[in-house]
PDB file of N, CA and C in Angstrom:
ATOM      1  N   MET A   1     117.600 106.108 103.475  1.00  0.00           N
ATOM      2  CA  MET A   1     117.612 106.343 104.904  1.00  0.00           C
ATOM      3  C   MET A   1     117.640 107.841 105.213  1.00  0.00           C
ATOM      4  N   ASN A   2     118.423 108.596 104.497  1.00  0.00           N
ATOM      5  CA  ASN A   2     118.522 110.028 104.707  1.00  0.00           C
ATOM      6  C   ASN A   2     117.162 110.698 104.520  1.00  0.00           C
ATOM      7  N   GLU A   3     116.378 110.219 103.585  1.00  0.00           N
ATOM      8  CA  GLU A   3     115.041 110.760 103.337  1.00  0.00           C
ATOM      9  C   GLU A   3     114.149 110.578 104.571  1.00  0.00           C
ATOM     10  N   GLN A   4     114.300 109.467 105.246  1.00  0.00           N
ATOM     11  CA  GLN A   4     113.511 109.200 106.447  1.00  0.00           C
ATOM     12  C   GLN A   4     113.902 110.136 107.587  1.00  0.00           C
ATOM     13  N   ILE A   5     115.185 110.365 107.752  1.00  0.00           N
ATOM     14  CA  ILE A   5     115.662 111.280 108.794  1.00  0.00           C
ATOM     15  C   ILE A   5     115.155 112.691 108.516  1.00  0.00           C
ATOM     16  N   GLN A   6     115.191 113.101 107.267  1.00  0.00           N
ATOM     17  CA  GLN A   6     114.684 114.424 106.904  1.00  0.00           C
ATOM     18  C   GLN A   6     113.185 114.529 107.172  1.00  0.00           C
ATOM     19  N   ALA A   7     112.443 113.454 106.918  1.00  0.00           N
ATOM     20  CA  ALA A   7     111.005 113.450 107.180  1.00  0.00           C
ATOM     21  C   ALA A   7     110.736 113.633 108.676  1.00  0.00           C
ATOM     22  N   VAL A   8     111.489 112.948 109.508  1.00  0.00           N
ATOM     23  CA  VAL A   8     111.320 113.091 110.955  1.00  0.00           C
ATOM     24  C   VAL A   8     111.687 114.502 111.387  1.00  0.00           C
ATOM     25  N   GLN A   9     112.742 115.056 110.816  1.00  0.00           N
ATOM     26  CA  GLN A   9     113.141 116.430 111.153  1.00  0.00           C
ATOM     27  C   GLN A   9     112.051 117.417 110.750  1.00  0.00           C
ATOM     28  N   ARG A  10     111.444 117.208 109.585  1.00  0.00           N
ATOM     29  CA  ARG A  10     110.346 118.089 109.156  1.00  0.00           C
ATOM     30  C   ARG A  10     109.165 117.997 110.117  1.00  0.00           C
ATOM     31  N   MET A  11     108.877 116.791 110.599  1.00  0.00           N
ATOM     32  CA  MET A  11     107.782 116.631 111.560  1.00  0.00           C
ATOM     33  C   MET A  11     108.110 117.343 112.873  1.00  0.00           C
ATOM     34  N   GLN A  12     109.339 117.209 113.347  1.00  0.00           N
ATOM     35  CA  GLN A  12     109.735 117.881 114.587  1.00  0.00           C
ATOM     36  C   GLN A  12     109.663 119.403 114.427  1.00  0.00           C
ATOM     37  N   ASP A  13     110.111 119.905 113.285  1.00  0.00           N
ATOM     38  CA  ASP A  13     110.042 121.342 113.023  1.00  0.00           C
ATOM     39  C   ASP A  13     108.594 121.820 112.985  1.00  0.00           C
ATOM     40  N   TYR A  14     107.738 121.039 112.354  1.00  0.00           N
ATOM     41  CA  TYR A  14     106.318 121.392 112.273  1.00  0.00           C
ATOM     42  C   TYR A  14     105.709 121.432 113.672  1.00  0.00           C
ATOM     43  N   ILE A  15     106.033 120.451 114.485  1.00  0.00           N
ATOM     44  CA  ILE A  15     105.511 120.411 115.849  1.00  0.00           C
ATOM     45  C   ILE A  15     105.964 121.646 116.619  1.00  0.00           C
ATOM     46  N   LYS A  16     107.234 122.015 116.493  1.00  0.00           N
ATOM     47  CA  LYS A  16     107.749 123.206 117.182  1.00  0.00           C
ATOM     48  C   LYS A  16     107.008 124.467 116.762  1.00  0.00           C
ATOM     49  N   ARG A  17     106.783 124.617 115.452  1.00  0.00           N
ATOM     50  CA  ARG A  17     106.118 125.818 114.940  1.00  0.00           C
ATOM     51  C   ARG A  17     104.632 125.878 115.288  1.00  0.00           C
ATOM     52  N   HIS A  18     104.009 124.720 115.465  1.00  0.00           N
ATOM     53  CA  HIS A  18     102.558 124.669 115.682  1.00  0.00           C
ATOM     54  C   HIS A  18     102.193 124.074 117.043  1.00  0.00           C
ATOM     55  N   ILE A  19     103.070 124.211 118.027  1.00  0.00           N
ATOM     56  CA  ILE A  19     102.862 123.559 119.317  1.00  0.00           C
ATOM     57  C   ILE A  19     101.581 124.043 120.004  1.00  0.00           C
ATOM     58  N   LYS A  20     101.150 125.247 119.725  1.00  0.00           N
ATOM     59  CA  LYS A  20      99.931 125.765 120.358  1.00  0.00           C
ATOM     60  C   LYS A  20      98.670 125.381 119.589  1.00  0.00           C
ATOM     61  N   ASP A  21      98.836 124.782 118.427  1.00  0.00           N
ATOM     62  CA  ASP A  21      97.701 124.376 117.601  1.00  0.00           C
ATOM     63  C   ASP A  21      97.409 122.896 117.818  1.00  0.00           C
ATOM     64  N   ARG A  22      96.274 122.477 117.302  1.00  0.00           N
ATOM     65  CA  ARG A  22      95.943 121.050 117.303  1.00  0.00           C
ATOM     66  C   ARG A  22      96.710 120.405 116.148  1.00  0.00           C
ATOM     67  N   ILE A  23      97.508 119.410 116.442  1.00  0.00           N
ATOM     68  CA  ILE A  23      98.319 118.727 115.433  1.00  0.00           C
ATOM     69  C   ILE A  23      97.754 117.323 115.240  1.00  0.00           C
ATOM     70  N   THR A  24      97.395 117.015 114.009  1.00  0.00           N
ATOM     71  CA  THR A  24      96.802 115.709 113.712  1.00  0.00           C
ATOM     72  C   THR A  24      97.816 114.810 113.006  1.00  0.00           C
ATOM     73  N   PRO A  25      97.550 113.519 112.997  1.00  0.00           N
ATOM     74  CA  PRO A  25      98.416 112.615 112.227  1.00  0.00           C
ATOM     75  C   PRO A  25      98.450 113.001 110.740  1.00  0.00           C
ATOM     76  N   ALA A  26      97.351 113.520 110.231  1.00  0.00           N
ATOM     77  CA  ALA A  26      97.315 113.949 108.826  1.00  0.00           C
ATOM     78  C   ALA A  26      98.265 115.121 108.595  1.00  0.00           C
ATOM     79  N   ASP A  27      98.370 116.027 109.555  1.00  0.00           N
ATOM     80  CA  ASP A  27      99.303 117.153 109.436  1.00  0.00           C
ATOM     81  C   ASP A  27     100.741 116.648 109.343  1.00  0.00           C
ATOM     82  N   LEU A  28     101.076 115.722 110.233  1.00  0.00           N
ATOM     83  CA  LEU A  28     102.446 115.191 110.230  1.00  0.00           C
ATOM     84  C   LEU A  28     102.721 114.382 108.973  1.00  0.00           C
ATOM     85  N   ALA A  29     101.718 113.659 108.501  1.00  0.00           N
ATOM     86  CA  ALA A  29     101.887 112.889 107.260  1.00  0.00           C
ATOM     87  C   ALA A  29     102.147 113.834 106.087  1.00  0.00           C
ATOM     88  N   ARG A  30     101.418 114.937 106.061  1.00  0.00           N
ATOM     89  CA  ARG A  30     101.577 115.902 104.958  1.00  0.00           C
ATOM     90  C   ARG A  30     102.997 116.473 104.931  1.00  0.00           C
ATOM     91  N   VAL A  31     103.513 116.885 106.097  1.00  0.00           N
ATOM     92  CA  VAL A  31     104.856 117.475 106.103  1.00  0.00           C
ATOM     93  C   VAL A  31     105.951 116.438 105.905  1.00  0.00           C
ATOM     94  N   SER A  32     105.684 115.200 106.308  1.00  0.00           N
ATOM     95  CA  SER A  32     106.701 114.159 106.140  1.00  0.00           C
ATOM     96  C   SER A  32     106.697 113.562 104.733  1.00  0.00           C
ATOM     97  N   MET A  33     105.563 113.731 104.042  1.00  0.00           N
ATOM     98  CA  MET A  33     105.370 113.171 102.700  1.00  0.00           C
ATOM     99  C   MET A  33     105.309 111.642 102.723  1.00  0.00           C
ATOM    100  N   PHE A  34     104.811 111.104 103.831  1.00  0.00           N
ATOM    101  CA  PHE A  34     104.551 109.673 103.969  1.00  0.00           C
ATOM    102  C   PHE A  34     103.112 109.508 104.435  1.00  0.00           C
ATOM    103  N   SER A  35     102.622 108.284 104.418  1.00  0.00           N
ATOM    104  CA  SER A  35     101.275 108.020 104.924  1.00  0.00           C
ATOM    105  C   SER A  35     101.266 108.257 106.434  1.00  0.00           C
ATOM    106  N   PRO A  36     100.085 108.507 107.016  1.00  0.00           N
ATOM    107  CA  PRO A  36     100.030 108.711 108.472  1.00  0.00           C
ATOM    108  C   PRO A  36     100.635 107.539 109.248  1.00  0.00           C
ATOM    109  N   TRP A  37     100.351 106.329 108.821  1.00  0.00           N
ATOM    110  CA  TRP A  37     100.884 105.158 109.519  1.00  0.00           C
ATOM    111  C   TRP A  37     102.414 105.122 109.423  1.00  0.00           C
ATOM    112  N   HIS A  38     102.936 105.333 108.215  1.00  0.00           N
ATOM    113  CA  HIS A  38     104.387 105.249 108.014  1.00  0.00           C
ATOM    114  C   HIS A  38     105.095 106.414 108.719  1.00  0.00           C
ATOM    115  N   ALA A  39     104.494 107.595 108.683  1.00  0.00           N
ATOM    116  CA  ALA A  39     105.086 108.753 109.359  1.00  0.00           C
ATOM    117  C   ALA A  39     105.195 108.495 110.858  1.00  0.00           C
ATOM    118  N   ALA A  40     104.144 107.948 111.452  1.00  0.00           N
ATOM    119  CA  ALA A  40     104.168 107.661 112.887  1.00  0.00           C
ATOM    120  C   ALA A  40     105.212 106.596 113.213  1.00  0.00           C
ATOM    121  N   ARG A  41     105.327 105.592 112.361  1.00  0.00           N
ATOM    122  CA  ARG A  41     106.308 104.531 112.574  1.00  0.00           C
ATOM    123  C   ARG A  41     107.732 105.082 112.503  1.00  0.00           C
ATOM    124  N   LEU A  42     107.993 105.927 111.506  1.00  0.00           N
ATOM    125  CA  LEU A  42     109.321 106.541 111.380  1.00  0.00           C
ATOM    126  C   LEU A  42     109.635 107.418 112.585  1.00  0.00           C
ATOM    127  N   PHE A  43     108.653 108.202 112.994  1.00  0.00           N
ATOM    128  CA  PHE A  43     108.864 109.100 114.131  1.00  0.00           C
ATOM    129  C   PHE A  43     109.260 108.301 115.367  1.00  0.00           C
ATOM    130  N   LYS A  44     108.538 107.233 115.638  1.00  0.00           N
ATOM    131  CA  LYS A  44     108.826 106.379 116.798  1.00  0.00           C
ATOM    132  C   LYS A  44     110.205 105.729 116.664  1.00  0.00           C
ATOM    133  N   GLU A  45     110.527 105.295 115.460  1.00  0.00           N
ATOM    134  CA  GLU A  45     111.808 104.627 115.226  1.00  0.00           C
ATOM    135  C   GLU A  45     113.001 105.545 115.500  1.00  0.00           C
ATOM    136  N   TYR A  46     112.896 106.806 115.083  1.00  0.00           N
ATOM    137  CA  TYR A  46     114.042 107.717 115.188  1.00  0.00           C
ATOM    138  C   TYR A  46     114.069 108.539 116.468  1.00  0.00           C
ATOM    139  N   THR A  47     112.923 108.706 117.149  1.00  0.00           N
ATOM    140  CA  THR A  47     112.908 109.530 118.360  1.00  0.00           C
ATOM    141  C   THR A  47     112.630 108.728 119.627  1.00  0.00           C
ATOM    142  N   ASN A  48     112.186 107.495 119.468  1.00  0.00           N
ATOM    143  CA  ASN A  48     111.771 106.642 120.591  1.00  0.00           C
ATOM    144  C   ASN A  48     110.511 107.145 121.279  1.00  0.00           C
ATOM    145  N   TYR A  49     109.795 108.057 120.649  1.00  0.00           N
ATOM    146  CA  TYR A  49     108.516 108.552 121.155  1.00  0.00           C
ATOM    147  C   TYR A  49     107.485 108.464 120.043  1.00  0.00           C
ATOM    148  N   THR A  50     106.247 108.194 120.422  1.00  0.00           N
ATOM    149  CA  THR A  50     105.185 108.318 119.428  1.00  0.00           C
ATOM    150  C   THR A  50     104.980 109.810 119.190  1.00  0.00           C
ATOM    151  N   PRO A  51     104.408 110.191 118.059  1.00  0.00           N
ATOM    152  CA  PRO A  51     104.157 111.617 117.845  1.00  0.00           C
ATOM    153  C   PRO A  51     103.330 112.241 118.975  1.00  0.00           C
ATOM    154  N   GLY A  52     102.318 111.516 119.452  1.00  0.00           N
ATOM    155  CA  GLY A  52     101.491 112.039 120.545  1.00  0.00           C
ATOM    156  C   GLY A  52     102.284 112.262 121.815  1.00  0.00           C
ATOM    157  N   ASP A  53     103.150 111.314 122.168  1.00  0.00           N
ATOM    158  CA  ASP A  53     103.991 111.464 123.352  1.00  0.00           C
ATOM    159  C   ASP A  53     104.966 112.627 123.193  1.00  0.00           C
ATOM    160  N   TYR A  54     105.532 112.757 122.015  1.00  0.00           N
ATOM    161  CA  TYR A  54     106.485 113.836 121.751  1.00  0.00           C
ATOM    162  C   TYR A  54     105.799 115.196 121.876  1.00  0.00           C
ATOM    163  N   ILE A  55     104.605 115.324 121.298  1.00  0.00           N
ATOM    164  CA  ILE A  55     103.860 116.584 121.370  1.00  0.00           C
ATOM    165  C   ILE A  55     103.513 116.902 122.829  1.00  0.00           C
ATOM    166  N   ARG A  56     103.072 115.902 123.567  1.00  0.00           N
ATOM    167  CA  ARG A  56     102.731 116.094 124.976  1.00  0.00           C
ATOM    168  C   ARG A  56     103.951 116.570 125.763  1.00  0.00           C
ATOM    169  N   ARG A  57     105.097 115.960 125.529  1.00  0.00           N
ATOM    170  CA  ARG A  57     106.318 116.361 126.235  1.00  0.00           C
ATOM    171  C   ARG A  57     106.722 117.792 125.879  1.00  0.00           C
ATOM    172  N   MET A  58     106.577 118.145 124.611  1.00  0.00           N
ATOM    173  CA  MET A  58     106.911 119.510 124.185  1.00  0.00           C
ATOM    174  C   MET A  58     105.984 120.528 124.847  1.00  0.00           C
ATOM    175  N   LYS A  59     104.693 120.203 124.912  1.00  0.00           N
ATOM    176  CA  LYS A  59     103.729 121.118 125.537  1.00  0.00           C
ATOM    177  C   LYS A  59     104.007 121.257 127.035  1.00  0.00           C
ATOM    178  N   LEU A  60     104.353 120.161 127.690  1.00  0.00           N
ATOM    179  CA  LEU A  60     104.686 120.231 129.118  1.00  0.00           C
ATOM    180  C   LEU A  60     105.945 121.056 129.353  1.00  0.00           C
ATOM    181  N   SER A  61     106.936 120.896 128.496  1.00  0.00           N
ATOM    182  CA  SER A  61     108.169 121.686 128.618  1.00  0.00           C
ATOM    183  C   SER A  61     107.889 123.172 128.450  1.00  0.00           C
ATOM    184  N   GLU A  62     107.072 123.499 127.460  1.00  0.00           N
ATOM    185  CA  GLU A  62     106.738 124.907 127.226  1.00  0.00           C
ATOM    186  C   GLU A  62     105.958 125.476 128.402  1.00  0.00           C
ATOM    187  N   SER A  63     105.038 124.695 128.945  1.00  0.00           N
ATOM    188  CA  SER A  63     104.248 125.149 130.099  1.00  0.00           C
ATOM    189  C   SER A  63     105.157 125.371 131.302  1.00  0.00           C
ATOM    190  N   ALA A  64     106.108 124.491 131.505  1.00  0.00           N
ATOM    191  CA  ALA A  64     107.029 124.629 132.634  1.00  0.00           C
ATOM    192  C   ALA A  64     107.851 125.910 132.498  1.00  0.00           C
ATOM    193  N   LEU A  65     108.276 126.227 131.282  1.00  0.00           N
ATOM    194  CA  LEU A  65     109.038 127.461 131.070  1.00  0.00           C
ATOM    195  C   LEU A  65     108.176 128.696 131.362  1.00  0.00           C
ATOM    196  N   ILE A  66     106.918 128.637 130.967  1.00  0.00           N
ATOM    197  CA  ILE A  66     106.017 129.770 131.227  1.00  0.00           C
ATOM    198  C   ILE A  66     105.815 129.946 132.732  1.00  0.00           C
ATOM    199  N   LEU A  67     105.641 128.843 133.462  1.00  0.00           N
ATOM    200  CA  LEU A  67     105.452 128.918 134.899  1.00  0.00           C
ATOM    201  C   LEU A  67     106.703 129.420 135.619  1.00  0.00           C
ATOM    202  N   LYS A  68     107.840 129.083 135.085  1.00  0.00           N
ATOM    203  CA  LYS A  68     109.103 129.495 135.697  1.00  0.00           C
ATOM    204  C   LYS A  68     109.242 130.994 135.621  1.00  0.00           C
TER     205      LYS A  68
END
């Protein structure tokens, strides 16, 4: 279980570092060390967001800060 939490944390860290880049399911799979399908499932399980929804929310938050 701890390995899964670490994988999700690595994906979140990767998203933060590359928020201005195009992030693919393959990118998240690579950093999580799971298949794209399993990485997406874990991400949803632990964050309650799909990777796409999470990335969209992060980009909107960053845009709001820039506008502020």
